[in-house]
N, C-alpha and C. Protein backbone atom coordinates (compact mmCIF):
# COMPACT_ATOMS: atom_id res chain seq x y z
N UNK A 1 -1.83 12.74 -14.51
CA UNK A 1 -3.08 12.50 -13.80
C UNK A 1 -4.10 11.85 -14.71
N UNK A 2 -4.28 12.39 -15.91
CA UNK A 2 -5.25 11.83 -16.84
C UNK A 2 -4.90 10.38 -17.19
N UNK A 3 -3.61 10.09 -17.30
CA UNK A 3 -3.19 8.73 -17.60
C UNK A 3 -3.69 7.77 -16.52
N UNK A 4 -3.51 8.12 -15.25
CA UNK A 4 -3.95 7.25 -14.16
C UNK A 4 -5.46 7.14 -14.12
N UNK A 5 -6.16 8.24 -14.35
CA UNK A 5 -7.62 8.20 -14.33
C UNK A 5 -8.16 7.33 -15.46
N UNK A 6 -7.53 7.40 -16.61
CA UNK A 6 -7.93 6.51 -17.71
C UNK A 6 -7.66 5.05 -17.36
N UNK A 7 -6.55 4.80 -16.69
CA UNK A 7 -6.22 3.43 -16.26
C UNK A 7 -7.29 2.91 -15.30
N UNK A 8 -7.66 3.72 -14.31
CA UNK A 8 -8.66 3.30 -13.33
C UNK A 8 -10.03 3.04 -13.97
N UNK A 9 -10.29 3.72 -15.09
CA UNK A 9 -11.60 3.57 -15.76
C UNK A 9 -11.70 2.31 -16.59
N UNK A 10 -10.59 1.62 -16.81
CA UNK A 10 -10.63 0.41 -17.62
C UNK A 10 -11.36 -0.71 -16.88
N UNK A 11 -12.07 -1.57 -17.60
CA UNK A 11 -12.80 -2.67 -16.94
C UNK A 11 -11.84 -3.68 -16.33
N UNK A 12 -12.34 -4.42 -15.38
CA UNK A 12 -11.55 -5.44 -14.69
C UNK A 12 -11.08 -6.51 -15.67
N UNK A 13 -9.80 -6.83 -15.60
CA UNK A 13 -9.21 -7.84 -16.47
C UNK A 13 -8.20 -8.63 -15.66
N UNK A 14 -8.52 -9.87 -15.28
CA UNK A 14 -7.59 -10.65 -14.44
C UNK A 14 -6.25 -10.92 -15.11
N UNK A 15 -6.18 -10.85 -16.44
CA UNK A 15 -4.91 -11.02 -17.11
C UNK A 15 -4.03 -9.77 -17.02
N UNK A 16 -4.65 -8.63 -16.72
CA UNK A 16 -3.92 -7.37 -16.61
C UNK A 16 -4.41 -6.63 -15.35
N UNK A 17 -4.15 -7.18 -14.17
CA UNK A 17 -4.67 -6.58 -12.94
C UNK A 17 -4.08 -5.20 -12.68
N UNK A 18 -4.92 -4.33 -12.14
CA UNK A 18 -4.47 -3.00 -11.70
C UNK A 18 -4.18 -3.08 -10.21
N UNK A 19 -2.93 -2.87 -9.85
CA UNK A 19 -2.49 -2.99 -8.46
C UNK A 19 -1.86 -1.67 -8.03
N UNK A 20 -2.24 -1.21 -6.84
CA UNK A 20 -1.66 0.01 -6.27
C UNK A 20 -0.73 -0.38 -5.13
N UNK A 21 0.38 0.33 -5.01
CA UNK A 21 1.43 -0.03 -4.06
C UNK A 21 1.85 1.19 -3.25
N UNK A 22 2.02 0.98 -1.94
CA UNK A 22 2.54 2.05 -1.08
C UNK A 22 3.18 1.40 0.13
N UNK A 23 3.80 2.22 0.97
CA UNK A 23 4.47 1.70 2.15
C UNK A 23 4.21 2.60 3.34
N UNK A 24 4.32 2.02 4.53
CA UNK A 24 4.00 2.71 5.77
C UNK A 24 4.89 2.18 6.87
N UNK A 25 5.46 3.07 7.69
CA UNK A 25 6.26 2.62 8.83
C UNK A 25 5.39 2.56 10.08
N UNK A 26 5.76 1.69 11.00
CA UNK A 26 5.03 1.53 12.26
C UNK A 26 6.03 1.37 13.38
N UNK A 27 5.99 2.28 14.37
CA UNK A 27 6.83 2.15 15.55
C UNK A 27 6.24 1.10 16.48
N UNK A 28 7.11 0.27 17.04
CA UNK A 28 6.69 -0.74 18.00
C UNK A 28 6.86 -0.17 19.40
N UNK A 29 5.78 -0.14 20.16
CA UNK A 29 5.79 0.44 21.51
C UNK A 29 5.34 -0.60 22.52
N UNK A 30 6.19 -0.88 23.50
CA UNK A 30 5.82 -1.78 24.59
C UNK A 30 5.36 -1.00 25.80
N UNK A 31 4.59 -1.64 26.64
CA UNK A 31 4.06 -0.98 27.84
C UNK A 31 5.11 -0.92 28.95
N UNK A 32 5.19 0.22 29.62
CA UNK A 32 5.98 0.35 30.85
C UNK A 32 5.17 -0.13 32.04
N UNK A 33 3.89 0.27 32.08
CA UNK A 33 2.95 -0.15 33.11
C UNK A 33 1.75 -0.80 32.43
N UNK A 34 1.25 -1.90 32.94
CA UNK A 34 0.12 -2.58 32.30
C UNK A 34 -1.09 -1.65 32.18
N UNK A 35 -1.76 -1.64 31.03
CA UNK A 35 -2.98 -0.83 30.90
C UNK A 35 -4.09 -1.35 31.81
N UNK A 36 -4.97 -0.45 32.21
CA UNK A 36 -6.08 -0.81 33.08
C UNK A 36 -7.35 -0.93 32.25
N UNK A 37 -8.02 -2.08 32.30
CA UNK A 37 -9.23 -2.25 31.49
C UNK A 37 -10.37 -1.36 31.98
N UNK A 38 -11.34 -1.17 31.12
CA UNK A 38 -12.50 -0.37 31.48
C UNK A 38 -13.29 -1.06 32.60
N UNK A 39 -13.85 -0.25 33.48
CA UNK A 39 -14.71 -0.74 34.55
C UNK A 39 -15.98 0.11 34.56
N UNK A 40 -16.92 -0.31 35.36
CA UNK A 40 -18.18 0.45 35.45
C UNK A 40 -17.89 1.88 35.89
N UNK A 41 -18.29 2.81 35.05
CA UNK A 41 -18.10 4.22 35.36
C UNK A 41 -16.70 4.75 35.08
N UNK A 42 -15.82 3.94 34.49
CA UNK A 42 -14.46 4.39 34.20
C UNK A 42 -13.97 3.78 32.90
N UNK A 43 -13.43 4.59 32.04
CA UNK A 43 -12.93 4.10 30.76
C UNK A 43 -11.57 3.44 30.95
N UNK A 44 -11.14 2.72 29.93
CA UNK A 44 -9.83 2.08 29.98
C UNK A 44 -8.73 3.13 30.06
N UNK A 45 -7.64 2.77 30.71
CA UNK A 45 -6.53 3.71 30.90
C UNK A 45 -5.24 3.09 30.37
N UNK A 46 -4.43 3.97 29.76
CA UNK A 46 -3.15 3.55 29.21
C UNK A 46 -2.11 4.59 29.60
N UNK A 47 -1.02 4.15 30.19
CA UNK A 47 0.03 5.07 30.63
C UNK A 47 0.68 5.74 29.43
N UNK A 48 1.07 7.00 29.59
CA UNK A 48 1.66 7.73 28.46
C UNK A 48 3.09 7.28 28.18
N UNK A 49 3.74 6.63 29.15
CA UNK A 49 5.09 6.13 28.94
C UNK A 49 5.05 4.81 28.16
N UNK A 50 6.07 4.59 27.37
CA UNK A 50 6.17 3.32 26.64
C UNK A 50 7.63 3.04 26.29
N UNK A 51 7.91 1.79 26.01
CA UNK A 51 9.23 1.37 25.54
C UNK A 51 9.26 1.46 24.01
N UNK A 52 10.33 2.01 23.48
CA UNK A 52 10.53 2.00 22.02
C UNK A 52 11.20 0.69 21.62
N UNK A 53 10.53 -0.05 20.76
CA UNK A 53 11.05 -1.36 20.34
C UNK A 53 11.40 -1.39 18.86
N UNK A 54 11.76 -0.24 18.32
CA UNK A 54 12.16 -0.19 16.92
C UNK A 54 11.00 0.11 15.99
N UNK A 55 11.29 0.09 14.72
CA UNK A 55 10.31 0.41 13.68
C UNK A 55 10.30 -0.69 12.64
N UNK A 56 9.13 -0.97 12.12
CA UNK A 56 8.99 -1.92 11.01
C UNK A 56 8.32 -1.22 9.84
N UNK A 57 8.59 -1.73 8.67
CA UNK A 57 8.01 -1.18 7.45
C UNK A 57 6.93 -2.12 6.93
N UNK A 58 5.87 -1.53 6.39
CA UNK A 58 4.80 -2.33 5.79
C UNK A 58 4.66 -1.94 4.32
N UNK A 59 4.89 -2.90 3.44
CA UNK A 59 4.62 -2.73 2.01
C UNK A 59 3.20 -3.23 1.75
N UNK A 60 2.39 -2.43 1.09
CA UNK A 60 1.00 -2.81 0.84
C UNK A 60 0.72 -2.83 -0.66
N UNK A 61 0.18 -3.95 -1.13
CA UNK A 61 -0.38 -4.08 -2.47
C UNK A 61 -1.89 -4.16 -2.34
N UNK A 62 -2.63 -3.44 -3.18
CA UNK A 62 -4.08 -3.56 -3.19
C UNK A 62 -4.56 -3.55 -4.64
N UNK A 63 -5.42 -4.51 -4.95
CA UNK A 63 -6.07 -4.55 -6.26
C UNK A 63 -7.52 -4.11 -6.04
N UNK A 64 -7.82 -2.83 -6.23
CA UNK A 64 -9.14 -2.30 -5.85
C UNK A 64 -10.31 -2.99 -6.55
N UNK A 65 -10.16 -3.31 -7.82
CA UNK A 65 -11.27 -3.89 -8.57
C UNK A 65 -11.62 -5.30 -8.09
N UNK A 66 -10.64 -6.03 -7.58
CA UNK A 66 -10.87 -7.40 -7.15
C UNK A 66 -11.12 -7.51 -5.65
N UNK A 67 -10.90 -6.43 -4.91
CA UNK A 67 -11.07 -6.49 -3.47
C UNK A 67 -10.02 -7.34 -2.80
N UNK A 68 -8.78 -7.26 -3.30
CA UNK A 68 -7.68 -8.08 -2.76
C UNK A 68 -6.55 -7.17 -2.34
N UNK A 69 -5.93 -7.52 -1.21
CA UNK A 69 -4.75 -6.79 -0.77
C UNK A 69 -3.80 -7.74 -0.05
N UNK A 70 -2.52 -7.38 -0.03
CA UNK A 70 -1.53 -8.11 0.76
C UNK A 70 -0.55 -7.12 1.36
N UNK A 71 -0.21 -7.35 2.62
CA UNK A 71 0.74 -6.50 3.34
C UNK A 71 1.95 -7.34 3.70
N UNK A 72 3.13 -6.82 3.42
CA UNK A 72 4.38 -7.49 3.75
C UNK A 72 5.11 -6.67 4.80
N UNK A 73 5.46 -7.29 5.91
CA UNK A 73 6.17 -6.61 7.00
C UNK A 73 7.66 -6.85 6.84
N UNK A 74 8.44 -5.78 6.79
CA UNK A 74 9.89 -5.89 6.64
C UNK A 74 10.57 -5.01 7.69
N UNK A 75 11.83 -5.26 7.91
CA UNK A 75 12.59 -4.46 8.88
C UNK A 75 13.08 -3.15 8.29
N UNK A 76 13.17 -3.11 6.95
CA UNK A 76 13.69 -1.91 6.29
C UNK A 76 12.87 -1.63 5.03
N UNK A 77 13.18 -0.49 4.39
CA UNK A 77 12.51 -0.14 3.13
C UNK A 77 13.56 0.34 2.13
N UNK A 78 14.58 -0.46 1.93
CA UNK A 78 15.69 -0.12 1.05
C UNK A 78 15.39 -0.53 -0.40
N UNK A 79 16.34 -0.24 -1.28
CA UNK A 79 16.24 -0.70 -2.66
C UNK A 79 16.10 -2.21 -2.73
N UNK A 80 16.87 -2.89 -1.89
CA UNK A 80 16.82 -4.35 -1.88
C UNK A 80 15.42 -4.85 -1.52
N UNK A 81 14.81 -4.24 -0.50
CA UNK A 81 13.47 -4.64 -0.10
C UNK A 81 12.46 -4.37 -1.21
N UNK A 82 12.56 -3.20 -1.84
CA UNK A 82 11.63 -2.87 -2.92
C UNK A 82 11.76 -3.87 -4.07
N UNK A 83 12.99 -4.18 -4.46
CA UNK A 83 13.19 -5.10 -5.57
C UNK A 83 12.58 -6.47 -5.27
N UNK A 84 12.76 -6.94 -4.05
CA UNK A 84 12.26 -8.27 -3.70
C UNK A 84 10.73 -8.30 -3.61
N UNK A 85 10.10 -7.21 -3.16
CA UNK A 85 8.63 -7.25 -3.10
C UNK A 85 8.03 -7.14 -4.50
N UNK A 86 8.72 -6.49 -5.43
CA UNK A 86 8.22 -6.44 -6.80
C UNK A 86 8.34 -7.83 -7.44
N UNK A 87 9.42 -8.53 -7.18
CA UNK A 87 9.54 -9.90 -7.69
C UNK A 87 8.47 -10.79 -7.06
N UNK A 88 8.19 -10.59 -5.78
CA UNK A 88 7.13 -11.34 -5.11
C UNK A 88 5.78 -11.07 -5.75
N UNK A 89 5.53 -9.81 -6.08
CA UNK A 89 4.28 -9.44 -6.75
C UNK A 89 4.11 -10.22 -8.05
N UNK A 90 5.15 -10.27 -8.84
CA UNK A 90 5.10 -10.92 -10.16
C UNK A 90 5.03 -12.44 -10.06
N UNK A 91 5.89 -13.01 -9.23
CA UNK A 91 6.04 -14.47 -9.20
C UNK A 91 5.07 -15.18 -8.26
N UNK A 92 4.67 -14.52 -7.18
CA UNK A 92 3.86 -15.18 -6.16
C UNK A 92 2.40 -14.72 -6.16
N UNK A 93 2.18 -13.42 -6.26
CA UNK A 93 0.80 -12.93 -6.18
C UNK A 93 0.05 -13.06 -7.51
N UNK A 94 0.74 -12.82 -8.62
CA UNK A 94 0.06 -12.84 -9.92
C UNK A 94 0.88 -13.65 -10.95
N UNK A 95 1.15 -14.91 -10.66
CA UNK A 95 1.98 -15.69 -11.59
C UNK A 95 1.32 -15.95 -12.94
N UNK A 96 -0.01 -15.89 -13.01
CA UNK A 96 -0.71 -16.19 -14.27
C UNK A 96 -1.03 -14.95 -15.09
N UNK A 97 -0.78 -13.77 -14.55
CA UNK A 97 -1.11 -12.54 -15.27
C UNK A 97 -0.15 -12.31 -16.43
N UNK A 98 -0.67 -11.78 -17.53
CA UNK A 98 0.21 -11.43 -18.66
C UNK A 98 1.11 -10.27 -18.27
N UNK A 99 0.47 -9.24 -17.68
CA UNK A 99 1.24 -8.15 -17.08
C UNK A 99 0.40 -7.51 -15.98
N UNK A 100 1.08 -6.77 -15.11
CA UNK A 100 0.45 -6.09 -13.98
C UNK A 100 0.65 -4.60 -14.17
N UNK A 101 -0.44 -3.83 -14.12
CA UNK A 101 -0.34 -2.37 -14.11
C UNK A 101 -0.18 -1.92 -12.67
N UNK A 102 1.01 -1.44 -12.32
CA UNK A 102 1.33 -1.10 -10.94
C UNK A 102 1.40 0.41 -10.76
N UNK A 103 0.52 0.93 -9.90
CA UNK A 103 0.51 2.35 -9.58
C UNK A 103 1.32 2.57 -8.31
N UNK A 104 2.27 3.50 -8.36
CA UNK A 104 3.13 3.78 -7.22
C UNK A 104 3.63 5.20 -7.27
N UNK A 105 4.13 5.71 -6.17
CA UNK A 105 4.60 7.09 -6.14
C UNK A 105 5.99 7.20 -6.73
N UNK A 106 6.51 8.42 -6.77
CA UNK A 106 7.77 8.67 -7.46
C UNK A 106 9.00 8.62 -6.57
N UNK A 107 8.96 7.86 -5.47
CA UNK A 107 10.14 7.71 -4.62
C UNK A 107 11.33 7.25 -5.46
N UNK A 108 12.52 7.75 -5.12
CA UNK A 108 13.67 7.48 -5.99
C UNK A 108 14.03 6.01 -6.11
N UNK A 109 13.60 5.18 -5.17
CA UNK A 109 13.87 3.74 -5.28
C UNK A 109 12.84 3.03 -6.15
N UNK A 110 11.73 3.67 -6.44
CA UNK A 110 10.63 3.04 -7.19
C UNK A 110 10.88 3.15 -8.69
N UNK A 111 11.95 2.56 -9.15
CA UNK A 111 12.36 2.69 -10.54
C UNK A 111 12.79 1.33 -11.09
N UNK A 112 12.68 1.20 -12.42
CA UNK A 112 13.15 0.00 -13.08
C UNK A 112 14.64 -0.23 -12.82
N UNK A 113 15.40 0.89 -12.72
CA UNK A 113 16.84 0.77 -12.50
C UNK A 113 17.17 0.07 -11.19
N UNK A 114 16.29 0.18 -10.21
CA UNK A 114 16.52 -0.50 -8.94
C UNK A 114 16.57 -2.01 -9.13
N UNK A 115 15.68 -2.54 -9.95
CA UNK A 115 15.67 -3.98 -10.19
C UNK A 115 16.93 -4.42 -10.92
N UNK A 116 17.38 -3.62 -11.86
CA UNK A 116 18.61 -3.94 -12.59
C UNK A 116 19.79 -3.96 -11.63
N UNK A 117 19.86 -2.96 -10.74
CA UNK A 117 20.96 -2.87 -9.78
C UNK A 117 20.98 -4.07 -8.84
N UNK A 118 19.81 -4.51 -8.39
CA UNK A 118 19.75 -5.58 -7.40
C UNK A 118 19.87 -6.96 -8.04
N UNK A 119 19.18 -7.19 -9.14
CA UNK A 119 19.10 -8.54 -9.71
C UNK A 119 19.98 -8.75 -10.93
N UNK A 120 20.47 -7.69 -11.54
CA UNK A 120 21.14 -7.82 -12.82
C UNK A 120 20.12 -7.69 -13.95
N UNK A 121 20.61 -7.38 -15.16
CA UNK A 121 19.70 -7.03 -16.25
C UNK A 121 18.81 -8.18 -16.68
N UNK A 122 19.34 -9.40 -16.75
CA UNK A 122 18.53 -10.51 -17.25
C UNK A 122 17.31 -10.76 -16.35
N UNK A 123 17.53 -10.85 -15.05
CA UNK A 123 16.41 -11.09 -14.13
C UNK A 123 15.49 -9.88 -14.05
N UNK A 124 16.07 -8.68 -14.08
CA UNK A 124 15.24 -7.48 -14.07
C UNK A 124 14.35 -7.42 -15.31
N UNK A 125 14.90 -7.75 -16.46
CA UNK A 125 14.11 -7.75 -17.69
C UNK A 125 12.97 -8.76 -17.61
N UNK A 126 13.24 -9.91 -17.00
CA UNK A 126 12.17 -10.91 -16.85
C UNK A 126 11.04 -10.36 -16.00
N UNK A 127 11.38 -9.73 -14.89
CA UNK A 127 10.36 -9.18 -14.00
C UNK A 127 9.62 -8.03 -14.68
N UNK A 128 10.39 -7.13 -15.30
CA UNK A 128 9.79 -5.93 -15.89
C UNK A 128 8.96 -6.25 -17.13
N UNK A 129 9.15 -7.42 -17.72
CA UNK A 129 8.31 -7.80 -18.85
C UNK A 129 6.89 -8.09 -18.40
N UNK A 130 6.69 -8.24 -17.09
CA UNK A 130 5.36 -8.59 -16.57
C UNK A 130 4.80 -7.55 -15.60
N UNK A 131 5.45 -6.40 -15.50
CA UNK A 131 4.92 -5.33 -14.66
C UNK A 131 5.18 -3.99 -15.34
N UNK A 132 4.16 -3.14 -15.33
CA UNK A 132 4.26 -1.81 -15.93
C UNK A 132 4.08 -0.77 -14.84
N UNK A 133 5.09 0.06 -14.64
CA UNK A 133 5.03 1.08 -13.60
C UNK A 133 4.24 2.29 -14.10
N UNK A 134 3.34 2.77 -13.25
CA UNK A 134 2.58 4.00 -13.51
C UNK A 134 2.77 4.90 -12.29
N UNK A 135 3.62 5.91 -12.42
CA UNK A 135 3.94 6.77 -11.28
C UNK A 135 2.93 7.91 -11.13
N UNK A 136 2.61 8.23 -9.90
CA UNK A 136 1.76 9.39 -9.65
C UNK A 136 2.56 10.66 -9.94
N UNK A 137 1.88 11.75 -10.33
CA UNK A 137 2.59 13.00 -10.58
C UNK A 137 3.18 13.56 -9.28
N UNK A 138 4.17 14.45 -9.39
CA UNK A 138 4.70 15.10 -8.18
C UNK A 138 3.58 15.80 -7.40
N UNK A 139 3.62 15.69 -6.09
CA UNK A 139 2.65 16.31 -5.18
C UNK A 139 1.22 15.80 -5.41
N UNK A 140 1.09 14.61 -5.98
CA UNK A 140 -0.25 14.06 -6.22
C UNK A 140 -0.29 12.58 -5.88
N UNK A 141 0.36 12.21 -4.78
CA UNK A 141 0.35 10.80 -4.38
C UNK A 141 -1.06 10.34 -4.00
N UNK A 142 -1.98 11.30 -3.76
CA UNK A 142 -3.36 10.94 -3.43
C UNK A 142 -4.06 10.23 -4.59
N UNK A 143 -3.47 10.30 -5.78
CA UNK A 143 -4.03 9.56 -6.91
C UNK A 143 -3.76 8.06 -6.81
N UNK A 144 -2.95 7.67 -5.87
CA UNK A 144 -2.65 6.26 -5.64
C UNK A 144 -3.67 5.71 -4.64
N UNK A 145 -4.51 4.78 -5.08
CA UNK A 145 -5.55 4.25 -4.21
C UNK A 145 -4.99 3.46 -3.03
N UNK A 146 -3.72 3.08 -3.09
CA UNK A 146 -3.12 2.40 -1.95
C UNK A 146 -3.10 3.30 -0.72
N UNK A 147 -3.08 4.63 -0.91
CA UNK A 147 -3.13 5.53 0.24
C UNK A 147 -4.45 5.39 0.98
N UNK A 148 -5.53 5.15 0.25
CA UNK A 148 -6.83 4.93 0.89
C UNK A 148 -6.80 3.66 1.72
N UNK A 149 -6.25 2.61 1.15
CA UNK A 149 -6.20 1.33 1.86
C UNK A 149 -5.30 1.42 3.09
N UNK A 150 -4.21 2.16 3.00
CA UNK A 150 -3.35 2.35 4.17
C UNK A 150 -4.09 3.12 5.25
N UNK A 151 -4.93 4.08 4.85
CA UNK A 151 -5.74 4.79 5.83
C UNK A 151 -6.67 3.85 6.57
N UNK A 152 -7.26 2.89 5.85
CA UNK A 152 -8.12 1.88 6.50
C UNK A 152 -7.29 1.00 7.43
N UNK A 153 -6.11 0.59 6.98
CA UNK A 153 -5.22 -0.22 7.81
C UNK A 153 -4.86 0.50 9.10
N UNK A 154 -4.55 1.77 9.00
CA UNK A 154 -4.19 2.54 10.19
C UNK A 154 -5.37 2.64 11.16
N UNK A 155 -6.56 2.89 10.63
CA UNK A 155 -7.73 3.08 11.48
C UNK A 155 -8.20 1.77 12.12
N UNK A 156 -8.06 0.66 11.41
CA UNK A 156 -8.62 -0.60 11.89
C UNK A 156 -7.61 -1.52 12.56
N UNK A 157 -6.32 -1.25 12.37
CA UNK A 157 -5.32 -2.22 12.84
C UNK A 157 -4.14 -1.57 13.57
N UNK A 158 -3.68 -0.42 13.11
CA UNK A 158 -2.45 0.16 13.63
C UNK A 158 -2.67 1.30 14.62
N UNK A 159 -3.92 1.52 15.04
CA UNK A 159 -4.25 2.67 15.88
C UNK A 159 -4.06 2.37 17.37
N UNK A 160 -3.13 1.51 17.71
CA UNK A 160 -2.87 1.17 19.11
C UNK A 160 -1.42 0.73 19.23
N UNK A 161 -0.97 0.57 20.47
CA UNK A 161 0.39 0.13 20.70
C UNK A 161 0.56 -1.35 20.34
N UNK A 162 1.56 -1.62 19.55
CA UNK A 162 1.92 -3.00 19.20
C UNK A 162 3.38 -3.18 19.61
N UNK A 163 3.66 -4.06 20.55
CA UNK A 163 5.00 -4.09 21.16
C UNK A 163 6.06 -4.86 20.39
N UNK A 164 5.66 -5.87 19.58
CA UNK A 164 6.64 -6.74 18.95
C UNK A 164 6.28 -7.00 17.50
N UNK A 165 7.32 -7.37 16.73
CA UNK A 165 7.11 -7.65 15.31
C UNK A 165 6.13 -8.79 15.10
N UNK A 166 6.20 -9.84 15.92
CA UNK A 166 5.32 -10.99 15.74
C UNK A 166 3.86 -10.60 15.98
N UNK A 167 3.63 -9.69 16.92
CA UNK A 167 2.26 -9.22 17.17
C UNK A 167 1.79 -8.33 16.03
N UNK A 168 2.65 -7.45 15.56
CA UNK A 168 2.31 -6.62 14.40
C UNK A 168 1.95 -7.51 13.21
N UNK A 169 2.78 -8.50 12.94
CA UNK A 169 2.53 -9.39 11.81
C UNK A 169 1.19 -10.12 11.96
N UNK A 170 0.93 -10.63 13.16
CA UNK A 170 -0.32 -11.36 13.40
C UNK A 170 -1.53 -10.46 13.19
N UNK A 171 -1.48 -9.24 13.71
CA UNK A 171 -2.61 -8.33 13.59
C UNK A 171 -2.83 -7.92 12.13
N UNK A 172 -1.74 -7.70 11.40
CA UNK A 172 -1.86 -7.32 9.99
C UNK A 172 -2.46 -8.46 9.18
N UNK A 173 -2.03 -9.69 9.44
CA UNK A 173 -2.57 -10.84 8.72
C UNK A 173 -4.05 -11.01 8.99
N UNK A 174 -4.47 -10.85 10.24
CA UNK A 174 -5.89 -10.96 10.58
C UNK A 174 -6.69 -9.89 9.87
N UNK A 175 -6.18 -8.66 9.86
CA UNK A 175 -6.87 -7.56 9.17
C UNK A 175 -6.97 -7.85 7.68
N UNK A 176 -5.86 -8.25 7.09
CA UNK A 176 -5.80 -8.55 5.66
C UNK A 176 -6.79 -9.66 5.29
N UNK A 177 -6.81 -10.72 6.08
CA UNK A 177 -7.70 -11.85 5.80
C UNK A 177 -9.16 -11.43 5.87
N UNK A 178 -9.50 -10.62 6.87
CA UNK A 178 -10.88 -10.16 7.01
C UNK A 178 -11.29 -9.30 5.81
N UNK A 179 -10.43 -8.39 5.42
CA UNK A 179 -10.75 -7.52 4.28
C UNK A 179 -10.85 -8.33 2.98
N UNK A 180 -9.99 -9.31 2.82
CA UNK A 180 -10.04 -10.13 1.60
C UNK A 180 -11.27 -11.02 1.59
N UNK A 181 -11.65 -11.57 2.75
CA UNK A 181 -12.86 -12.38 2.82
C UNK A 181 -14.10 -11.55 2.46
N UNK A 182 -14.08 -10.27 2.85
CA UNK A 182 -15.18 -9.36 2.53
C UNK A 182 -15.11 -8.88 1.08
N UNK A 183 -13.97 -9.13 0.42
CA UNK A 183 -13.70 -8.58 -0.92
C UNK A 183 -13.97 -7.08 -0.94
N UNK A 184 -13.45 -6.42 0.08
CA UNK A 184 -13.64 -4.98 0.23
C UNK A 184 -12.96 -4.24 -0.91
N UNK A 185 -13.74 -3.48 -1.65
CA UNK A 185 -13.22 -2.73 -2.79
C UNK A 185 -13.12 -1.25 -2.44
N UNK A 186 -12.52 -0.49 -3.32
CA UNK A 186 -12.41 0.96 -3.17
C UNK A 186 -13.28 1.61 -4.23
N UNK A 187 -14.21 2.43 -3.79
CA UNK A 187 -15.12 3.11 -4.72
C UNK A 187 -14.48 4.43 -5.12
N UNK A 188 -13.82 4.43 -6.26
CA UNK A 188 -13.09 5.61 -6.75
C UNK A 188 -14.03 6.47 -7.57
N UNK A 189 -14.23 7.71 -7.20
CA UNK A 189 -15.21 8.57 -7.87
C UNK A 189 -14.58 9.72 -8.65
N UNK A 190 -13.26 9.92 -8.50
CA UNK A 190 -12.63 11.03 -9.21
C UNK A 190 -12.26 10.57 -10.62
N UNK A 191 -13.04 10.96 -11.60
CA UNK A 191 -12.87 10.52 -12.98
C UNK A 191 -12.16 11.57 -13.82
N UNK A 192 -11.82 11.16 -15.03
CA UNK A 192 -11.21 12.12 -15.97
C UNK A 192 -12.18 13.27 -16.27
N UNK A 193 -13.46 12.96 -16.37
CA UNK A 193 -14.46 14.00 -16.65
C UNK A 193 -14.49 15.04 -15.54
N UNK A 194 -14.43 14.60 -14.29
CA UNK A 194 -14.41 15.54 -13.18
C UNK A 194 -13.14 16.37 -13.19
N UNK A 195 -12.02 15.72 -13.50
CA UNK A 195 -10.74 16.44 -13.54
C UNK A 195 -10.75 17.50 -14.64
N UNK A 196 -11.28 17.15 -15.80
CA UNK A 196 -11.34 18.11 -16.90
C UNK A 196 -12.24 19.29 -16.55
N UNK A 197 -13.35 19.02 -15.86
CA UNK A 197 -14.26 20.10 -15.46
C UNK A 197 -13.57 21.06 -14.50
N UNK A 198 -12.84 20.49 -13.52
CA UNK A 198 -12.13 21.35 -12.57
C UNK A 198 -11.06 22.17 -13.28
N UNK A 199 -10.36 21.53 -14.23
CA UNK A 199 -9.32 22.23 -14.97
C UNK A 199 -9.90 23.38 -15.77
N UNK A 200 -11.05 23.13 -16.44
CA UNK A 200 -11.68 24.18 -17.25
C UNK A 200 -12.16 25.34 -16.37
N UNK A 201 -12.72 25.00 -15.20
CA UNK A 201 -13.19 26.05 -14.29
C UNK A 201 -12.02 26.89 -13.79
N UNK A 202 -10.89 26.22 -13.50
CA UNK A 202 -9.70 26.94 -13.05
C UNK A 202 -9.19 27.88 -14.13
N UNK A 203 -9.19 27.39 -15.37
CA UNK A 203 -8.72 28.21 -16.48
C UNK A 203 -9.59 29.43 -16.68
N UNK A 204 -10.88 29.29 -16.46
CA UNK A 204 -11.80 30.41 -16.66
C UNK A 204 -11.62 31.50 -15.61
N UNK A 205 -11.11 31.13 -14.43
CA UNK A 205 -10.90 32.11 -13.35
C UNK A 205 -9.53 32.75 -13.43
N UNK A 206 -8.60 32.14 -14.14
CA UNK A 206 -7.23 32.66 -14.18
C UNK A 206 -7.04 33.65 -15.33
């Protein structure tokens, strides 16, 4: 925990961007009966029945200090998908960075070994020379600021029925573009000093 808090406290450096990564699934639901729009004296109505149109995965990268994020929509969230989005991060999103400090949770696929398995050692070494993994502690994924950004995505974009992948993709791109145009940042207030104070108070009571 202290390692991540110290990382977050470092000043902004475009050569060494701090990027947080997480993923979220979204079920695609189509309408059985057309929804009824709101009218005078009556709110909009939506039938409780829906068609299940499968599930899509959303990989989210967010650079809190720069107010930048990108969401990638995929059909799965396998080792292969993870390896390819990490290569995309290095080669497409931050090609000029010396290295990227990447904060992510401890899912078993979120490992350097995954890149070696998918790409082979030479290509994996090339990618890993430009990205440094910083895993959140067990049961502390809340230390990953990408969870905050996913919460915003859910509230502003995914809180309704989306019937098809193309519509999901379009809505996510519009949301992403709006947030990036605003350079919306994350105001992180949990510092190492606060963590140490809580730890000391806990020790005094135990």
